[in-house]
Structures are given as C-alpha cells and as structure tokens.
Amino acid sequence: PQVRMEAVLACAAIPEARSVLVAAAAAESPRDGWIDYAFSQAVHHLKGRWLPAFRRGELDFGAQRKGLGAVLGASGSEGVLDE
C-alpha cells in the first residue's frame, strides 16, 4: 500500500491531465485511509487539468472502471458528466 500511496502523491506533482490516470490505477486495488486521503488530494489538485480533458473526450480511463468511479466520486463536482 505504501508504494501505491507514493505513486499517487508523485502523480499529483506532474501537472498533466493524464497524471490522474496513475491515481485511478491505484484506486483499482484495495486502499487504506492514507491512500484515500492522498488520492482525494491528488484528484482535487489535478482537477483543473484532467476535468477539461475528460469533458473533451481526451482522457481515456480504459478498463479502469473502479478508478474512474473513484476519480469522479472524489472530484466533488456535481454534474461532471452533464456536459
């Protein structure tokens, strides 16, 4: 779990839309409270990058359904899928 948490923290430091895909990959595996916190912080920190790309259809989560759900849930944005 610590390696996944470090990966999530590291991806938040890379200001690109696709960085959130690393966090989503970590969400595919079991998480603890530390990973959950790091994950939510990464999603919020990168939101200005990944959300516009996601809405334009430029961000592909592939088979990471659980990760996509976790990202959307952690984003705290109602209506993310409305546009």
PDB file of N, CA and C in Angstrom:
ATOM      1  N   PRO A   1       0.804  -1.216   0.000  1.00  0.00           N
ATOM      2  CA  PRO A   1       0.000   0.000   0.000  1.00  0.00           C
ATOM      3  C   PRO A   1       0.847   1.282   0.000  1.00  0.00           C
ATOM      4  N   GLN A   2       2.001   1.255   0.638  1.00  0.00           N
ATOM      5  CA  GLN A   2       2.815   2.464   0.712  1.00  0.00           C
ATOM      6  C   GLN A   2       3.337   2.867  -0.665  1.00  0.00           C
ATOM      7  N   VAL A   3       3.672   1.897  -1.486  1.00  0.00           N
ATOM      8  CA  VAL A   3       4.164   2.211  -2.833  1.00  0.00           C
ATOM      9  C   VAL A   3       3.057   2.866  -3.651  1.00  0.00           C
ATOM     10  N   ARG A   4       1.828   2.363  -3.536  1.00  0.00           N
ATOM     11  CA  ARG A   4       0.709   2.972  -4.256  1.00  0.00           C
ATOM     12  C   ARG A   4       0.452   4.392  -3.766  1.00  0.00           C
ATOM     13  N   MET A   5       0.554   4.601  -2.458  1.00  0.00           N
ATOM     14  CA  MET A   5       0.359   5.939  -1.922  1.00  0.00           C
ATOM     15  C   MET A   5       1.421   6.893  -2.469  1.00  0.00           C
ATOM     16  N   GLU A   6       2.654   6.438  -2.522  1.00  0.00           N
ATOM     17  CA  GLU A   6       3.727   7.271  -3.059  1.00  0.00           C
ATOM     18  C   GLU A   6       3.507   7.563  -4.538  1.00  0.00           C
ATOM     19  N   ALA A   7       2.979   6.600  -5.279  1.00  0.00           N
ATOM     20  CA  ALA A   7       2.680   6.822  -6.698  1.00  0.00           C
ATOM     21  C   ALA A   7       1.596   7.878  -6.860  1.00  0.00           C
ATOM     22  N   VAL A   8       0.585   7.823  -6.011  1.00  0.00           N
ATOM     23  CA  VAL A   8      -0.490   8.816  -6.066  1.00  0.00           C
ATOM     24  C   VAL A   8       0.052  10.203  -5.741  1.00  0.00           C
ATOM     25  N   LEU A   9       0.870  10.287  -4.715  1.00  0.00           N
ATOM     26  CA  LEU A   9       1.460  11.580  -4.353  1.00  0.00           C
ATOM     27  C   LEU A   9       2.359  12.112  -5.468  1.00  0.00           C
ATOM     28  N   ALA A  10       3.117  11.233  -6.089  1.00  0.00           N
ATOM     29  CA  ALA A  10       4.011  11.649  -7.171  1.00  0.00           C
ATOM     30  C   ALA A  10       3.229  12.133  -8.384  1.00  0.00           C
ATOM     31  N   CYS A  11       2.139  11.459  -8.717  1.00  0.00           N
ATOM     32  CA  CYS A  11       1.373  11.870  -9.901  1.00  0.00           C
ATOM     33  C   CYS A  11       0.773  13.254  -9.709  1.00  0.00           C
ATOM     34  N   ALA A  12       0.453  13.608  -8.476  1.00  0.00           N
ATOM     35  CA  ALA A  12      -0.112  14.936  -8.219  1.00  0.00           C
ATOM     36  C   ALA A  12       0.895  16.045  -8.498  1.00  0.00           C
ATOM     37  N   ALA A  13       2.169  15.706  -8.487  1.00  0.00           N
ATOM     38  CA  ALA A  13       3.214  16.703  -8.735  1.00  0.00           C
ATOM     39  C   ALA A  13       3.476  16.915 -10.222  1.00  0.00           C
ATOM     40  N   ILE A  14       2.846  16.114 -11.065  1.00  0.00           N
ATOM     41  CA  ILE A  14       3.031  16.236 -12.516  1.00  0.00           C
ATOM     42  C   ILE A  14       1.772  16.893 -13.087  1.00  0.00           C
ATOM     43  N   PRO A  15       1.824  18.159 -13.439  1.00  0.00           N
ATOM     44  CA  PRO A  15       0.629  18.903 -13.840  1.00  0.00           C
ATOM     45  C   PRO A  15       0.159  18.592 -15.259  1.00  0.00           C
ATOM     46  N   GLU A  16      -0.265  17.367 -15.469  1.00  0.00           N
ATOM     47  CA  GLU A  16      -0.808  16.948 -16.760  1.00  0.00           C
ATOM     48  C   GLU A  16      -2.115  16.211 -16.525  1.00  0.00           C
ATOM     49  N   ALA A  17      -3.008  16.269 -17.489  1.00  0.00           N
ATOM     50  CA  ALA A  17      -4.303  15.604 -17.358  1.00  0.00           C
ATOM     51  C   ALA A  17      -4.148  14.110 -17.124  1.00  0.00           C
ATOM     52  N   ARG A  18      -3.234  13.489 -17.840  1.00  0.00           N
ATOM     53  CA  ARG A  18      -3.103  12.033 -17.739  1.00  0.00           C
ATOM     54  C   ARG A  18      -2.498  11.575 -16.416  1.00  0.00           C
ATOM     55  N   SER A  19      -2.005  12.500 -15.611  1.00  0.00           N
ATOM     56  CA  SER A  19      -1.479  12.133 -14.295  1.00  0.00           C
ATOM     57  C   SER A  19      -2.554  11.507 -13.420  1.00  0.00           C
ATOM     58  N   VAL A  20      -3.797  11.934 -13.622  1.00  0.00           N
ATOM     59  CA  VAL A  20      -4.882  11.375 -12.818  1.00  0.00           C
ATOM     60  C   VAL A  20      -5.099   9.893 -13.141  1.00  0.00           C
ATOM     61  N   LEU A  21      -4.639   9.441 -14.294  1.00  0.00           N
ATOM     62  CA  LEU A  21      -4.762   8.021 -14.639  1.00  0.00           C
ATOM     63  C   LEU A  21      -3.912   7.153 -13.721  1.00  0.00           C
ATOM     64  N   VAL A  22      -2.797   7.680 -13.245  1.00  0.00           N
ATOM     65  CA  VAL A  22      -1.964   6.953 -12.283  1.00  0.00           C
ATOM     66  C   VAL A  22      -2.721   6.796 -10.976  1.00  0.00           C
ATOM     67  N   ALA A  23      -3.361   7.867 -10.534  1.00  0.00           N
ATOM     68  CA  ALA A  23      -4.166   7.797  -9.317  1.00  0.00           C
ATOM     69  C   ALA A  23      -5.319   6.817  -9.501  1.00  0.00           C
ATOM     70  N   ALA A  24      -5.937   6.835 -10.675  1.00  0.00           N
ATOM     71  CA  ALA A  24      -7.040   5.911 -10.947  1.00  0.00           C
ATOM     72  C   ALA A  24      -6.566   4.466 -10.912  1.00  0.00           C
ATOM     73  N   ALA A  25      -5.371   4.212 -11.401  1.00  0.00           N
ATOM     74  CA  ALA A  25      -4.822   2.851 -11.361  1.00  0.00           C
ATOM     75  C   ALA A  25      -4.633   2.398  -9.918  1.00  0.00           C
ATOM     76  N   ALA A  26      -4.210   3.302  -9.061  1.00  0.00           N
ATOM     77  CA  ALA A  26      -4.041   2.960  -7.644  1.00  0.00           C
ATOM     78  C   ALA A  26      -5.386   2.669  -6.990  1.00  0.00           C
ATOM     79  N   ALA A  27      -6.440   3.293  -7.485  1.00  0.00           N
ATOM     80  CA  ALA A  27      -7.773   3.078  -6.926  1.00  0.00           C
ATOM     81  C   ALA A  27      -8.356   1.731  -7.322  1.00  0.00           C
ATOM     82  N   GLU A  28      -7.745   1.060  -8.269  1.00  0.00           N
ATOM     83  CA  GLU A  28      -8.209  -0.264  -8.682  1.00  0.00           C
ATOM     84  C   GLU A  28      -7.885  -1.329  -7.637  1.00  0.00           C
ATOM     85  N   SER A  29      -6.930  -1.058  -6.766  1.00  0.00           N
ATOM     86  CA  SER A  29      -6.502  -2.008  -5.736  1.00  0.00           C
ATOM     87  C   SER A  29      -7.078  -1.588  -4.386  1.00  0.00           C
ATOM     88  N   PRO A  30      -7.038  -2.496  -3.413  1.00  0.00           N
ATOM     89  CA  PRO A  30      -7.529  -2.127  -2.074  1.00  0.00           C
ATOM     90  C   PRO A  30      -6.780  -0.908  -1.536  1.00  0.00           C
ATOM     91  N   ARG A  31      -7.522  -0.067  -0.828  1.00  0.00           N
ATOM     92  CA  ARG A  31      -6.942   1.170  -0.299  1.00  0.00           C
ATOM     93  C   ARG A  31      -7.130   1.230   1.209  1.00  0.00           C
ATOM     94  N   ASP A  32      -6.294   2.037   1.832  1.00  0.00           N
ATOM     95  CA  ASP A  32      -6.468   2.320   3.250  1.00  0.00           C
ATOM     96  C   ASP A  32      -6.735   3.818   3.395  1.00  0.00           C
ATOM     97  N   GLY A  33      -6.850   4.285   4.603  1.00  0.00           N
ATOM     98  CA  GLY A  33      -7.152   5.697   4.829  1.00  0.00           C
ATOM     99  C   GLY A  33      -6.099   6.641   4.305  1.00  0.00           C
ATOM    100  N   TRP A  34      -4.844   6.221   4.358  1.00  0.00           N
ATOM    101  CA  TRP A  34      -3.749   7.059   3.862  1.00  0.00           C
ATOM    102  C   TRP A  34      -3.823   7.210   2.347  1.00  0.00           C
ATOM    103  N   ILE A  35      -4.072   6.106   1.670  1.00  0.00           N
ATOM    104  CA  ILE A  35      -4.193   6.158   0.205  1.00  0.00           C
ATOM    105  C   ILE A  35      -5.426   6.964  -0.183  1.00  0.00           C
ATOM    106  N   ASP A  36      -6.536   6.761   0.530  1.00  0.00           N
ATOM    107  CA  ASP A  36      -7.751   7.516   0.230  1.00  0.00           C
ATOM    108  C   ASP A  36      -7.511   9.017   0.336  1.00  0.00           C
ATOM    109  N   TYR A  37      -6.807   9.425   1.379  1.00  0.00           N
ATOM    110  CA  TYR A  37      -6.534  10.853   1.559  1.00  0.00           C
ATOM    111  C   TYR A  37      -5.628  11.375   0.444  1.00  0.00           C
ATOM    112  N   ALA A  38      -4.547  10.666   0.168  1.00  0.00           N
ATOM    113  CA  ALA A  38      -3.631  11.078  -0.903  1.00  0.00           C
ATOM    114  C   ALA A  38      -4.364  11.123  -2.239  1.00  0.00           C
ATOM    115  N   PHE A  39      -5.224  10.138  -2.470  1.00  0.00           N
ATOM    116  CA  PHE A  39      -5.995  10.054  -3.707  1.00  0.00           C
ATOM    117  C   PHE A  39      -6.908  11.275  -3.862  1.00  0.00           C
ATOM    118  N   SER A  40      -7.677  11.578  -2.821  1.00  0.00           N
ATOM    119  CA  SER A  40      -8.601  12.712  -2.924  1.00  0.00           C
ATOM    120  C   SER A  40      -7.846  14.024  -3.133  1.00  0.00           C
ATOM    121  N   GLN A  41      -6.706  14.167  -2.480  1.00  0.00           N
ATOM    122  CA  GLN A  41      -5.910  15.378  -2.656  1.00  0.00           C
ATOM    123  C   GLN A  41      -5.353  15.477  -4.077  1.00  0.00           C
ATOM    124  N   ALA A  42      -4.896  14.362  -4.620  1.00  0.00           N
ATOM    125  CA  ALA A  42      -4.363  14.350  -5.988  1.00  0.00           C
ATOM    126  C   ALA A  42      -5.451  14.699  -6.995  1.00  0.00           C
ATOM    127  N   VAL A  43      -6.630  14.110  -6.828  1.00  0.00           N
ATOM    128  CA  VAL A  43      -7.741  14.375  -7.747  1.00  0.00           C
ATOM    129  C   VAL A  43      -8.111  15.855  -7.712  1.00  0.00           C
ATOM    130  N   HIS A  44      -8.209  16.425  -6.524  1.00  0.00           N
ATOM    131  CA  HIS A  44      -8.551  17.849  -6.413  1.00  0.00           C
ATOM    132  C   HIS A  44      -7.438  18.734  -6.965  1.00  0.00           C
ATOM    133  N   HIS A  45      -6.202  18.388  -6.678  1.00  0.00           N
ATOM    134  CA  HIS A  45      -5.064  19.188  -7.139  1.00  0.00           C
ATOM    135  C   HIS A  45      -4.966  19.204  -8.670  1.00  0.00           C
ATOM    136  N   LEU A  46      -5.276  18.080  -9.288  1.00  0.00           N
ATOM    137  CA  LEU A  46      -5.154  17.951 -10.745  1.00  0.00           C
ATOM    138  C   LEU A  46      -6.449  18.276 -11.487  1.00  0.00           C
ATOM    139  N   LYS A  47      -7.488  18.619 -10.773  1.00  0.00           N
ATOM    140  CA  LYS A  47      -8.811  18.792 -11.374  1.00  0.00           C
ATOM    141  C   LYS A  47      -8.828  19.785 -12.532  1.00  0.00           C
ATOM    142  N   GLY A  48      -8.087  20.852 -12.420  1.00  0.00           N
ATOM    143  CA  GLY A  48      -8.037  21.842 -13.496  1.00  0.00           C
ATOM    144  C   GLY A  48      -7.409  21.312 -14.771  1.00  0.00           C
ATOM    145  N   ARG A  49      -6.693  20.220 -14.661  1.00  0.00           N
ATOM    146  CA  ARG A  49      -6.052  19.587 -15.828  1.00  0.00           C
ATOM    147  C   ARG A  49      -6.907  18.456 -16.389  1.00  0.00           C
ATOM    148  N   TRP A  50      -7.323  17.530 -15.504  1.00  0.00           N
ATOM    149  CA  TRP A  50      -7.984  16.328 -16.011  1.00  0.00           C
ATOM    150  C   TRP A  50      -9.445  16.555 -16.381  1.00  0.00           C
ATOM    151  N   LEU A  51     -10.160  17.411 -15.648  1.00  0.00           N
ATOM    152  CA  LEU A  51     -11.589  17.573 -15.917  1.00  0.00           C
ATOM    153  C   LEU A  51     -11.868  18.151 -17.305  1.00  0.00           C
ATOM    154  N   PRO A  52     -11.200  19.225 -17.727  1.00  0.00           N
ATOM    155  CA  PRO A  52     -11.439  19.705 -19.092  1.00  0.00           C
ATOM    156  C   PRO A  52     -11.091  18.656 -20.158  1.00  0.00           C
ATOM    157  N   ALA A  53      -9.996  17.933 -19.959  1.00  0.00           N
ATOM    158  CA  ALA A  53      -9.613  16.889 -20.922  1.00  0.00           C
ATOM    159  C   ALA A  53     -10.639  15.768 -20.935  1.00  0.00           C
ATOM    160  N   PHE A  54     -11.160  15.416 -19.773  1.00  0.00           N
ATOM    161  CA  PHE A  54     -12.183  14.374 -19.679  1.00  0.00           C
ATOM    162  C   PHE A  54     -13.449  14.800 -20.408  1.00  0.00           C
ATOM    163  N   ARG A  55     -13.857  16.033 -20.214  1.00  0.00           N
ATOM    164  CA  ARG A  55     -15.072  16.534 -20.868  1.00  0.00           C
ATOM    165  C   ARG A  55     -14.914  16.612 -22.384  1.00  0.00           C
ATOM    166  N   ARG A  56     -13.699  16.842 -22.855  1.00  0.00           N
ATOM    167  CA  ARG A  56     -13.443  16.885 -24.303  1.00  0.00           C
ATOM    168  C   ARG A  56     -13.254  15.489 -24.895  1.00  0.00           C
ATOM    169  N   GLY A  57     -13.258  14.472 -24.055  1.00  0.00           N
ATOM    170  CA  GLY A  57     -13.071  13.100 -24.524  1.00  0.00           C
ATOM    171  C   GLY A  57     -11.623  12.753 -24.803  1.00  0.00           C
ATOM    172  N   GLU A  58     -10.704  13.510 -24.239  1.00  0.00           N
ATOM    173  CA  GLU A  58      -9.277  13.297 -24.489  1.00  0.00           C
ATOM    174  C   GLU A  58      -8.591  12.449 -23.423  1.00  0.00           C
ATOM    175  N   LEU A  59      -9.326  12.046 -22.412  1.00  0.00           N
ATOM    176  CA  LEU A  59      -8.749  11.278 -21.314  1.00  0.00           C
ATOM    177  C   LEU A  59      -9.434   9.926 -21.272  1.00  0.00           C
ATOM    178  N   ASP A  60      -8.667   8.876 -21.517  1.00  0.00           N
ATOM    179  CA  ASP A  60      -9.223   7.526 -21.612  1.00  0.00           C
ATOM    180  C   ASP A  60      -8.824   6.702 -20.390  1.00  0.00           C
ATOM    181  N   PHE A  61      -9.800   6.357 -19.588  1.00  0.00           N
ATOM    182  CA  PHE A  61      -9.554   5.528 -18.414  1.00  0.00           C
ATOM    183  C   PHE A  61      -9.517   4.045 -18.766  1.00  0.00           C
ATOM    184  N   GLY A  62      -9.817   3.712 -20.010  1.00  0.00           N
ATOM    185  CA  GLY A  62      -9.753   2.320 -20.456  1.00  0.00           C
ATOM    186  C   GLY A  62     -10.629   1.419 -19.603  1.00  0.00           C
ATOM    187  N   ALA A  63     -10.048   0.343 -19.115  1.00  0.00           N
ATOM    188  CA  ALA A  63     -10.785  -0.635 -18.311  1.00  0.00           C
ATOM    189  C   ALA A  63     -10.782  -0.279 -16.827  1.00  0.00           C
ATOM    190  N   GLN A  64     -10.295   0.887 -16.481  1.00  0.00           N
ATOM    191  CA  GLN A  64     -10.220   1.291 -15.072  1.00  0.00           C
ATOM    192  C   GLN A  64     -11.563   1.836 -14.592  1.00  0.00           C
ATOM    193  N   ARG A  65     -12.582   0.994 -14.621  1.00  0.00           N
ATOM    194  CA  ARG A  65     -13.921   1.452 -14.230  1.00  0.00           C
ATOM    195  C   ARG A  65     -13.976   1.859 -12.764  1.00  0.00           C
ATOM    196  N   LYS A  66     -13.370   1.053 -11.921  1.00  0.00           N
ATOM    197  CA  LYS A  66     -13.350   1.374 -10.496  1.00  0.00           C
ATOM    198  C   LYS A  66     -12.564   2.667 -10.262  1.00  0.00           C
ATOM    199  N   GLY A  67     -11.460   2.812 -10.969  1.00  0.00           N
ATOM    200  CA  GLY A  67     -10.655   4.022 -10.853  1.00  0.00           C
ATOM    201  C   GLY A  67     -11.395   5.253 -11.344  1.00  0.00           C
ATOM    202  N   LEU A  68     -12.100   5.120 -12.466  1.00  0.00           N
ATOM    203  CA  LEU A  68     -12.890   6.234 -12.990  1.00  0.00           C
ATOM    204  C   LEU A  68     -13.955   6.640 -11.982  1.00  0.00           C
ATOM    205  N   GLY A  69     -14.642   5.654 -11.422  1.00  0.00           N
ATOM    206  CA  GLY A  69     -15.661   5.948 -10.416  1.00  0.00           C
ATOM    207  C   GLY A  69     -15.075   6.646  -9.204  1.00  0.00           C
ATOM    208  N   ALA A  70     -13.903   6.208  -8.792  1.00  0.00           N
ATOM    209  CA  ALA A  70     -13.246   6.821  -7.638  1.00  0.00           C
ATOM    210  C   ALA A  70     -12.843   8.261  -7.940  1.00  0.00           C
ATOM    211  N   VAL A  71     -12.332   8.507  -9.142  1.00  0.00           N
ATOM    212  CA  VAL A  71     -11.939   9.872  -9.528  1.00  0.00           C
ATOM    213  C   VAL A  71     -13.162  10.779  -9.562  1.00  0.00           C
ATOM    214  N   LEU A  72     -14.224  10.321 -10.196  1.00  0.00           N
ATOM    215  CA  LEU A  72     -15.431  11.142 -10.277  1.00  0.00           C
ATOM    216  C   LEU A  72     -16.028  11.375  -8.898  1.00  0.00           C
ATOM    217  N   GLY A  73     -16.003  10.347  -8.054  1.00  0.00           N
ATOM    218  CA  GLY A  73     -16.526  10.492  -6.703  1.00  0.00           C
ATOM    219  C   GLY A  73     -15.702  11.442  -5.855  1.00  0.00           C
ATOM    220  N   ALA A  74     -14.399  11.374  -6.002  1.00  0.00           N
ATOM    221  CA  ALA A  74     -13.509  12.223  -5.207  1.00  0.00           C
ATOM    222  C   ALA A  74     -13.465  13.657  -5.719  1.00  0.00           C
ATOM    223  N   SER A  75     -13.912  13.870  -6.949  1.00  0.00           N
ATOM    224  CA  SER A  75     -13.814  15.213  -7.528  1.00  0.00           C
ATOM    225  C   SER A  75     -14.743  16.197  -6.838  1.00  0.00           C
ATOM    226  N   GLY A  76     -15.821  15.685  -6.254  1.00  0.00           N
ATOM    227  CA  GLY A  76     -16.745  16.569  -5.556  1.00  0.00           C
ATOM    228  C   GLY A  76     -17.515  17.495  -6.474  1.00  0.00           C
ATOM    229  N   SER A  77     -17.535  17.196  -7.745  1.00  0.00           N
ATOM    230  CA  SER A  77     -18.228  18.049  -8.707  1.00  0.00           C
ATOM    231  C   SER A  77     -19.542  17.416  -9.121  1.00  0.00           C
ATOM    232  N   GLU A  78     -20.615  18.035  -8.724  1.00  0.00           N
ATOM    233  CA  GLU A  78     -21.902  17.569  -9.215  1.00  0.00           C
ATOM    234  C   GLU A  78     -22.009  17.975 -10.677  1.00  0.00           C
ATOM    235  N   GLY A  79     -22.545  17.105 -11.476  1.00  0.00           N
ATOM    236  CA  GLY A  79     -22.731  17.425 -12.877  1.00  0.00           C
ATOM    237  C   GLY A  79     -21.501  17.264 -13.735  1.00  0.00           C
ATOM    238  N   VAL A  80     -20.505  16.528 -13.265  1.00  0.00           N
ATOM    239  CA  VAL A  80     -19.289  16.314 -14.060  1.00  0.00           C
ATOM    240  C   VAL A  80     -19.641  15.682 -15.396  1.00  0.00           C
ATOM    241  N   LEU A  81     -20.610  14.789 -15.385  1.00  0.00           N
ATOM    242  CA  LEU A  81     -20.966  14.068 -16.606  1.00  0.00           C
ATOM    243  C   LEU A  81     -22.062  14.760 -17.406  1.00  0.00           C
ATOM    244  N   ASP A  82     -22.566  15.888 -16.932  1.00  0.00           N
ATOM    245  CA  ASP A  82     -23.673  16.558 -17.605  1.00  0.00           C
ATOM    246  C   ASP A  82     -23.280  17.194 -18.929  1.00  0.00           C
ATOM    247  N   GLU A  83     -22.040  17.570 -19.066  1.00  0.00           N
ATOM    248  CA  GLU A  83     -21.636  18.262 -20.300  1.00  0.00           C
ATOM    249  C   GLU A  83     -21.099  17.315 -21.322  1.00  0.00           C
TER     250      GLU A  83
END
